[in-house]
PDB file of N, CA and C in Angstrom:
ATOM      1  N   MET A   1      -2.623 -34.469  10.323  1.00  0.00           N
ATOM      2  CA  MET A   1      -2.197 -33.545  11.343  1.00  0.00           C
ATOM      3  C   MET A   1      -2.507 -32.118  10.871  1.00  0.00           C
ATOM      4  N   ALA A   2      -2.996 -31.306  11.769  1.00  0.00           N
ATOM      5  CA  ALA A   2      -3.384 -29.934  11.442  1.00  0.00           C
ATOM      6  C   ALA A   2      -2.149 -29.043  11.317  1.00  0.00           C
ATOM      7  N   LYS A   3      -2.324 -27.984  10.546  1.00  0.00           N
ATOM      8  CA  LYS A   3      -1.229 -27.022  10.381  1.00  0.00           C
ATOM      9  C   LYS A   3      -0.991 -26.275  11.683  1.00  0.00           C
ATOM     10  N   SER A   4       0.248 -26.023  11.970  1.00  0.00           N
ATOM     11  CA  SER A   4       0.570 -25.253  13.168  1.00  0.00           C
ATOM     12  C   SER A   4       0.472 -23.770  12.843  1.00  0.00           C
ATOM     13  N   ARG A   5      -0.272 -23.041  13.615  1.00  0.00           N
ATOM     14  CA  ARG A   5      -0.416 -21.587  13.408  1.00  0.00           C
ATOM     15  C   ARG A   5       0.415 -20.808  14.419  1.00  0.00           C
ATOM     16  N   ASN A   6       1.247 -21.510  15.178  1.00  0.00           N
ATOM     17  CA  ASN A   6       2.049 -20.843  16.205  1.00  0.00           C
ATOM     18  C   ASN A   6       3.343 -20.271  15.656  1.00  0.00           C
ATOM     19  N   ASN A   7       3.733 -20.676  14.460  1.00  0.00           N
ATOM     20  CA  ASN A   7       4.987 -20.212  13.889  1.00  0.00           C
ATOM     21  C   ASN A   7       4.740 -18.902  13.139  1.00  0.00           C
ATOM     22  N   LEU A   8       5.116 -17.792  13.719  1.00  0.00           N
ATOM     23  CA  LEU A   8       4.874 -16.483  13.125  1.00  0.00           C
ATOM     24  C   LEU A   8       6.146 -15.905  12.503  1.00  0.00           C
ATOM     25  N   LEU A   9       7.077 -16.779  12.129  1.00  0.00           N
ATOM     26  CA  LEU A   9       8.320 -16.316  11.537  1.00  0.00           C
ATOM     27  C   LEU A   9       8.044 -15.582  10.228  1.00  0.00           C
ATOM     28  N   GLY A  10       8.574 -14.397  10.087  1.00  0.00           N
ATOM     29  CA  GLY A  10       8.401 -13.636   8.863  1.00  0.00           C
ATOM     30  C   GLY A  10       7.191 -12.730   8.861  1.00  0.00           C
ATOM     31  N   VAL A  11       6.396 -12.747   9.908  1.00  0.00           N
ATOM     32  CA  VAL A  11       5.215 -11.890   9.966  1.00  0.00           C
ATOM     33  C   VAL A  11       5.620 -10.540  10.558  1.00  0.00           C
ATOM     34  N   GLY A  12       5.173  -9.465   9.944  1.00  0.00           N
ATOM     35  CA  GLY A  12       5.417  -8.148  10.515  1.00  0.00           C
ATOM     36  C   GLY A  12       6.518  -7.365   9.848  1.00  0.00           C
ATOM     37  N   GLY A  13       7.000  -7.798   8.710  1.00  0.00           N
ATOM     38  CA  GLY A  13       7.994  -7.017   7.977  1.00  0.00           C
ATOM     39  C   GLY A  13       9.409  -7.284   8.439  1.00  0.00           C
ATOM     40  N   GLN A  14      10.325  -6.525   7.914  1.00  0.00           N
ATOM     41  CA  GLN A  14      11.736  -6.700   8.232  1.00  0.00           C
ATOM     42  C   GLN A  14      12.275  -5.423   8.846  1.00  0.00           C
ATOM     43  N   ARG A  15      13.265  -5.592   9.670  1.00  0.00           N
ATOM     44  CA  ARG A  15      13.903  -4.434  10.281  1.00  0.00           C
ATOM     45  C   ARG A  15      15.051  -3.969   9.414  1.00  0.00           C
ATOM     46  N   LYS A  16      15.268  -2.674   9.418  1.00  0.00           N
ATOM     47  CA  LYS A  16      16.373  -2.104   8.651  1.00  0.00           C
ATOM     48  C   LYS A  16      17.672  -2.386   9.385  1.00  0.00           C
ATOM     49  N   LYS A  17      18.668  -2.808   8.649  1.00  0.00           N
ATOM     50  CA  LYS A  17      19.983  -3.043   9.236  1.00  0.00           C
ATOM     51  C   LYS A  17      20.630  -1.690   9.525  1.00  0.00           C
ATOM     52  N   LEU A  18      21.083  -1.507  10.749  1.00  0.00           N
ATOM     53  CA  LEU A  18      21.708  -0.243  11.124  1.00  0.00           C
ATOM     54  C   LEU A  18      23.216  -0.317  10.930  1.00  0.00           C
ATOM     55  N   SER A  19      23.780   0.718  10.371  1.00  0.00           N
ATOM     56  CA  SER A  19      25.232   0.784  10.223  1.00  0.00           C
ATOM     57  C   SER A  19      25.842   1.134  11.579  1.00  0.00           C
ATOM     58  N   ARG A  20      27.141   1.046  11.655  1.00  0.00           N
ATOM     59  CA  ARG A  20      27.808   1.399  12.922  1.00  0.00           C
ATOM     60  C   ARG A  20      27.559   2.858  13.281  1.00  0.00           C
ATOM     61  N   ALA A  21      27.562   3.724  12.283  1.00  0.00           N
ATOM     62  CA  ALA A  21      27.332   5.148  12.541  1.00  0.00           C
ATOM     63  C   ALA A  21      25.917   5.353  13.089  1.00  0.00           C
ATOM     64  N   ASP A  22      24.947   4.647  12.519  1.00  0.00           N
ATOM     65  CA  ASP A  22      23.575   4.761  13.010  1.00  0.00           C
ATOM     66  C   ASP A  22      23.466   4.240  14.440  1.00  0.00           C
ATOM     67  N   GLN A  23      24.160   3.152  14.731  1.00  0.00           N
ATOM     68  CA  GLN A  23      24.102   2.574  16.067  1.00  0.00           C
ATOM     69  C   GLN A  23      24.723   3.507  17.105  1.00  0.00           C
ATOM     70  N   GLN A  24      25.720   4.265  16.695  1.00  0.00           N
ATOM     71  CA  GLN A  24      26.402   5.163  17.615  1.00  0.00           C
ATOM     72  C   GLN A  24      25.759   6.540  17.673  1.00  0.00           C
ATOM     73  N   GLY A  25      24.685   6.736  16.920  1.00  0.00           N
ATOM     74  CA  GLY A  25      23.964   7.994  16.992  1.00  0.00           C
ATOM     75  C   GLY A  25      24.403   9.027  15.983  1.00  0.00           C
ATOM     76  N   ALA A  26      25.425   8.721  15.188  1.00  0.00           N
ATOM     77  CA  ALA A  26      25.882   9.691  14.202  1.00  0.00           C
ATOM     78  C   ALA A  26      24.868   9.804  13.075  1.00  0.00           C
ATOM     79  N   GLY A  27      24.200   8.713  12.783  1.00  0.00           N
ATOM     80  CA  GLY A  27      23.181   8.733  11.751  1.00  0.00           C
ATOM     81  C   GLY A  27      23.785   8.801  10.366  1.00  0.00           C
ATOM     82  N   SER A  28      22.932   8.697   9.399  1.00  0.00           N
ATOM     83  CA  SER A  28      23.390   8.768   8.016  1.00  0.00           C
ATOM     84  C   SER A  28      22.787   9.992   7.360  1.00  0.00           C
ATOM     85  N   ALA A  29      23.070  10.152   6.121  1.00  0.00           N
ATOM     86  CA  ALA A  29      22.535  11.288   5.377  1.00  0.00           C
ATOM     87  C   ALA A  29      21.096  11.039   4.960  1.00  0.00           C
ATOM     88  N   ARG A  30      20.560   9.881   5.306  1.00  0.00           N
ATOM     89  CA  ARG A  30      19.202   9.520   4.887  1.00  0.00           C
ATOM     90  C   ARG A  30      18.163  10.520   5.397  1.00  0.00           C
ATOM     91  N   GLY A  31      18.260  10.898   6.664  1.00  0.00           N
ATOM     92  CA  GLY A  31      17.316  11.868   7.230  1.00  0.00           C
ATOM     93  C   GLY A  31      17.416  13.221   6.554  1.00  0.00           C
ATOM     94  N   ALA A  32      18.638  13.640   6.276  1.00  0.00           N
ATOM     95  CA  ALA A  32      18.841  14.917   5.599  1.00  0.00           C
ATOM     96  C   ALA A  32      18.293  14.867   4.174  1.00  0.00           C
ATOM     97  N   ASP A  33      18.466  13.720   3.523  1.00  0.00           N
ATOM     98  CA  ASP A  33      17.943  13.566   2.166  1.00  0.00           C
ATOM     99  C   ASP A  33      16.423  13.635   2.163  1.00  0.00           C
ATOM    100  N   ARG A  34      15.808  13.017   3.142  1.00  0.00           N
ATOM    101  CA  ARG A  34      14.338  13.065   3.233  1.00  0.00           C
ATOM    102  C   ARG A  34      13.858  14.490   3.449  1.00  0.00           C
ATOM    103  N   LYS A  35      14.552  15.216   4.310  1.00  0.00           N
ATOM    104  CA  LYS A  35      14.184  16.609   4.584  1.00  0.00           C
ATOM    105  C   LYS A  35      14.321  17.454   3.326  1.00  0.00           C
ATOM    106  N   ALA A  36      15.405  17.261   2.594  1.00  0.00           N
ATOM    107  CA  ALA A  36      15.618  18.017   1.365  1.00  0.00           C
ATOM    108  C   ALA A  36      14.547  17.689   0.336  1.00  0.00           C
ATOM    109  N   ALA A  37      14.191  16.423   0.232  1.00  0.00           N
ATOM    110  CA  ALA A  37      13.152  16.016  -0.717  1.00  0.00           C
ATOM    111  C   ALA A  37      11.810  16.615  -0.326  1.00  0.00           C
ATOM    112  N   GLU A  38      11.496  16.640   0.951  1.00  0.00           N
ATOM    113  CA  GLU A  38      10.234  17.223   1.421  1.00  0.00           C
ATOM    114  C   GLU A  38      10.200  18.724   1.140  1.00  0.00           C
ATOM    115  N   ASP A  39      11.328  19.397   1.347  1.00  0.00           N
ATOM    116  CA  ASP A  39      11.401  20.829   1.061  1.00  0.00           C
ATOM    117  C   ASP A  39      11.179  21.118  -0.423  1.00  0.00           C
ATOM    118  N   LYS A  40      11.786  20.292  -1.280  1.00  0.00           N
ATOM    119  CA  LYS A  40      11.603  20.463  -2.726  1.00  0.00           C
ATOM    120  C   LYS A  40      10.154  20.256  -3.111  1.00  0.00           C
ATOM    121  N   LYS A  41       9.530  19.259  -2.500  1.00  0.00           N
ATOM    122  CA  LYS A  41       8.127  18.963  -2.796  1.00  0.00           C
ATOM    123  C   LYS A  41       7.234  20.131  -2.382  1.00  0.00           C
ATOM    124  N   GLN A  42       7.457  20.675  -1.205  1.00  0.00           N
ATOM    125  CA  GLN A  42       6.657  21.801  -0.724  1.00  0.00           C
ATOM    126  C   GLN A  42       6.823  23.015  -1.639  1.00  0.00           C
ATOM    127  N   GLU A  43       8.053  23.259  -2.085  1.00  0.00           N
ATOM    128  CA  GLU A  43       8.316  24.381  -2.979  1.00  0.00           C
ATOM    129  C   GLU A  43       7.593  24.185  -4.315  1.00  0.00           C
ATOM    130  N   LEU A  44       7.634  22.954  -4.834  1.00  0.00           N
ATOM    131  CA  LEU A  44       6.956  22.654  -6.092  1.00  0.00           C
ATOM    132  C   LEU A  44       5.451  22.843  -5.963  1.00  0.00           C
ATOM    133  N   VAL A  45       4.876  22.377  -4.865  1.00  0.00           N
ATOM    134  CA  VAL A  45       3.436  22.534  -4.636  1.00  0.00           C
ATOM    135  C   VAL A  45       3.066  24.012  -4.552  1.00  0.00           C
ATOM    136  N   ARG A  46       3.901  24.797  -3.878  1.00  0.00           N
ATOM    137  CA  ARG A  46       3.636  26.234  -3.760  1.00  0.00           C
ATOM    138  C   ARG A  46       3.647  26.905  -5.137  1.00  0.00           C
ATOM    139  N   LYS A  47       4.649  26.558  -5.947  1.00  0.00           N
ATOM    140  CA  LYS A  47       4.740  27.146  -7.288  1.00  0.00           C
ATOM    141  C   LYS A  47       3.536  26.751  -8.141  1.00  0.00           C
ATOM    142  N   MET A  48       3.119  25.500  -8.044  1.00  0.00           N
ATOM    143  CA  MET A  48       1.984  25.031  -8.836  1.00  0.00           C
ATOM    144  C   MET A  48       0.705  25.752  -8.421  1.00  0.00           C
ATOM    145  N   ARG A  49       0.534  25.974  -7.115  1.00  0.00           N
ATOM    146  CA  ARG A  49      -0.642  26.704  -6.641  1.00  0.00           C
ATOM    147  C   ARG A  49      -0.645  28.141  -7.156  1.00  0.00           C
ATOM    148  N   GLU A  50       0.524  28.778  -7.109  1.00  0.00           N
ATOM    149  CA  GLU A  50       0.618  30.158  -7.596  1.00  0.00           C
ATOM    150  C   GLU A  50       0.273  30.238  -9.075  1.00  0.00           C
ATOM    151  N   ARG A  51       0.768  29.272  -9.859  1.00  0.00           N
ATOM    152  CA  ARG A  51       0.463  29.265 -11.288  1.00  0.00           C
ATOM    153  C   ARG A  51      -1.013  29.041 -11.534  1.00  0.00           C
ATOM    154  N   ALA A  52      -1.614  28.118 -10.763  1.00  0.00           N
ATOM    155  CA  ALA A  52      -3.039  27.840 -10.935  1.00  0.00           C
ATOM    156  C   ALA A  52      -3.885  29.053 -10.571  1.00  0.00           C
ATOM    157  N   GLU A  53      -3.510  29.751  -9.498  1.00  0.00           N
ATOM    158  CA  GLU A  53      -4.250  30.953  -9.098  1.00  0.00           C
ATOM    159  C   GLU A  53      -4.111  32.054 -10.146  1.00  0.00           C
ATOM    160  N   ALA A  54      -2.894  32.213 -10.687  1.00  0.00           N
ATOM    161  CA  ALA A  54      -2.669  33.233 -11.707  1.00  0.00           C
ATOM    162  C   ALA A  54      -3.467  32.899 -12.970  1.00  0.00           C
ATOM    163  N   GLN A  55      -3.508  31.626 -13.320  1.00  0.00           N
ATOM    164  CA  GLN A  55      -4.253  31.212 -14.503  1.00  0.00           C
ATOM    165  C   GLN A  55      -5.752  31.410 -14.285  1.00  0.00           C
ATOM    166  N   ALA A  56      -6.248  31.095 -13.096  1.00  0.00           N
ATOM    167  CA  ALA A  56      -7.662  31.288 -12.789  1.00  0.00           C
ATOM    168  C   ALA A  56      -8.023  32.769 -12.814  1.00  0.00           C
ATOM    169  N   ALA A  57      -7.127  33.609 -12.307  1.00  0.00           N
ATOM    170  CA  ALA A  57      -7.374  35.055 -12.315  1.00  0.00           C
ATOM    171  C   ALA A  57      -7.396  35.591 -13.750  1.00  0.00           C
ATOM    172  N   ALA A  58      -6.484  35.099 -14.583  1.00  0.00           N
ATOM    173  CA  ALA A  58      -6.445  35.543 -15.975  1.00  0.00           C
ATOM    174  C   ALA A  58      -7.709  35.100 -16.712  1.00  0.00           C
ATOM    175  N   THR A  59      -8.160  33.902 -16.448  1.00  0.00           N
ATOM    176  CA  THR A  59      -9.389  33.398 -17.076  1.00  0.00           C
ATOM    177  C   THR A  59     -10.591  34.210 -16.624  1.00  0.00           C
ATOM    178  N   ALA A  60     -10.624  34.539 -15.330  1.00  0.00           N
ATOM    179  CA  ALA A  60     -11.735  35.322 -14.794  1.00  0.00           C
ATOM    180  C   ALA A  60     -11.744  36.731 -15.386  1.00  0.00           C
ATOM    181  N   GLU A  61     -10.567  37.302 -15.604  1.00  0.00           N
ATOM    182  CA  GLU A  61     -10.493  38.639 -16.213  1.00  0.00           C
ATOM    183  C   GLU A  61     -11.028  38.615 -17.639  1.00  0.00           C
ATOM    184  N   GLN A  62     -10.732  37.543 -18.348  1.00  0.00           N
ATOM    185  CA  GLN A  62     -11.190  37.437 -19.726  1.00  0.00           C
ATOM    186  C   GLN A  62     -12.703  37.280 -19.797  1.00  0.00           C
ATOM    187  N   THR A  63     -13.280  36.535 -18.850  1.00  0.00           N
ATOM    188  CA  THR A  63     -14.718  36.300 -18.862  1.00  0.00           C
ATOM    189  C   THR A  63     -15.481  37.360 -18.094  1.00  0.00           C
ATOM    190  N   GLY A  64     -14.774  38.174 -17.310  1.00  0.00           N
ATOM    191  CA  GLY A  64     -15.423  39.236 -16.549  1.00  0.00           C
ATOM    192  C   GLY A  64     -16.011  38.772 -15.234  1.00  0.00           C
ATOM    193  N   GLU A  65     -15.662  37.584 -14.777  1.00  0.00           N
ATOM    194  CA  GLU A  65     -16.170  37.081 -13.499  1.00  0.00           C
ATOM    195  C   GLU A  65     -15.265  37.554 -12.370  1.00  0.00           C
ATOM    196  N   PRO A  66     -15.864  37.853 -11.212  1.00  0.00           N
ATOM    197  CA  PRO A  66     -15.020  38.235 -10.070  1.00  0.00           C
ATOM    198  C   PRO A  66     -14.332  37.003  -9.496  1.00  0.00           C
ATOM    199  N   THR A  67     -13.111  37.180  -9.040  1.00  0.00           N
ATOM    200  CA  THR A  67     -12.367  36.068  -8.442  1.00  0.00           C
ATOM    201  C   THR A  67     -12.599  36.053  -6.942  1.00  0.00           C
ATOM    202  N   ALA A  68     -12.131  35.004  -6.278  1.00  0.00           N
ATOM    203  CA  ALA A  68     -12.293  34.882  -4.830  1.00  0.00           C
ATOM    204  C   ALA A  68     -11.555  36.007  -4.109  1.00  0.00           C
ATOM    205  N   GLU A  69     -10.434  36.469  -4.668  1.00  0.00           N
ATOM    206  CA  GLU A  69      -9.696  37.555  -4.035  1.00  0.00           C
ATOM    207  C   GLU A  69     -10.452  38.870  -4.112  1.00  0.00           C
ATOM    208  N   GLN A  70     -11.311  39.002  -5.113  1.00  0.00           N
ATOM    209  CA  GLN A  70     -12.084  40.216  -5.289  1.00  0.00           C
ATOM    210  C   GLN A  70     -13.401  40.158  -4.520  1.00  0.00           C
ATOM    211  N   GLY A  71     -13.635  39.073  -3.790  1.00  0.00           N
ATOM    212  CA  GLY A  71     -14.823  38.965  -2.974  1.00  0.00           C
ATOM    213  C   GLY A  71     -15.984  38.296  -3.666  1.00  0.00           C
ATOM    214  N   GLY A  72     -15.802  37.703  -4.807  1.00  0.00           N
ATOM    215  CA  GLY A  72     -16.885  37.078  -5.531  1.00  0.00           C
ATOM    216  C   GLY A  72     -16.872  35.564  -5.405  1.00  0.00           C
ATOM    217  N   GLU A  73     -17.215  35.059  -4.220  1.00  0.00           N
ATOM    218  CA  GLU A  73     -17.245  33.615  -4.024  1.00  0.00           C
ATOM    219  C   GLU A  73     -18.483  33.048  -4.705  1.00  0.00           C
ATOM    220  N   GLN A  74     -18.279  32.037  -5.498  1.00  0.00           N
ATOM    221  CA  GLN A  74     -19.403  31.430  -6.204  1.00  0.00           C
ATOM    222  C   GLN A  74     -20.068  30.398  -5.315  1.00  0.00           C
ATOM    223  N   GLY A  75     -21.386  30.364  -5.348  1.00  0.00           N
ATOM    224  CA  GLY A  75     -22.147  29.378  -4.595  1.00  0.00           C
ATOM    225  C   GLY A  75     -22.300  29.698  -3.128  1.00  0.00           C
ATOM    226  N   ALA A  76     -21.824  30.836  -2.693  1.00  0.00           N
ATOM    227  CA  ALA A  76     -21.957  31.215  -1.290  1.00  0.00           C
ATOM    228  C   ALA A  76     -23.316  31.873  -1.059  1.00  0.00           C
ATOM    229  N   SER A  77     -24.015  31.405  -0.058  1.00  0.00           N
ATOM    230  CA  SER A  77     -25.306  31.998   0.265  1.00  0.00           C
ATOM    231  C   SER A  77     -25.120  32.980   1.417  1.00  0.00           C
ATOM    232  N   PRO A  78     -25.937  34.018   1.461  1.00  0.00           N
ATOM    233  CA  PRO A  78     -25.797  34.991   2.558  1.00  0.00           C
ATOM    234  C   PRO A  78     -26.160  34.348   3.891  1.00  0.00           C
ATOM    235  N   ALA A  79     -25.471  34.771   4.926  1.00  0.00           N
ATOM    236  CA  ALA A  79     -25.719  34.208   6.258  1.00  0.00           C
ATOM    237  C   ALA A  79     -27.036  34.749   6.801  1.00  0.00           C
ATOM    238  N   GLN A  80     -27.807  33.837   7.347  1.00  0.00           N
ATOM    239  CA  GLN A  80     -29.085  34.230   7.939  1.00  0.00           C
ATOM    240  C   GLN A  80     -28.957  34.152   9.453  1.00  0.00           C
ATOM    241  N   GLY A  81     -29.480  35.138  10.142  1.00  0.00           N
ATOM    242  CA  GLY A  81     -29.259  35.153  11.585  1.00  0.00           C
ATOM    243  C   GLY A  81     -30.451  35.275  12.412  1.00  0.00           C
TER     244      GLY A  81
END
């Protein structure tokens, strides 16, 4: 006898069990926690970018190369019209 492929029990993941507060619309602190974590991540990324830019500027000053802020884009070709 061939295998039955009509039984799809367990396919598609599981649903999250909702608490009474979630069912009534009060929600949990989960959404707020996610928002706080996302805010922390964005702040960390911003700080890391600032440090990288400051380090690149310091390196460029030591080598005497112009930085992108000073208008010295490397590899840029003049526009032809």
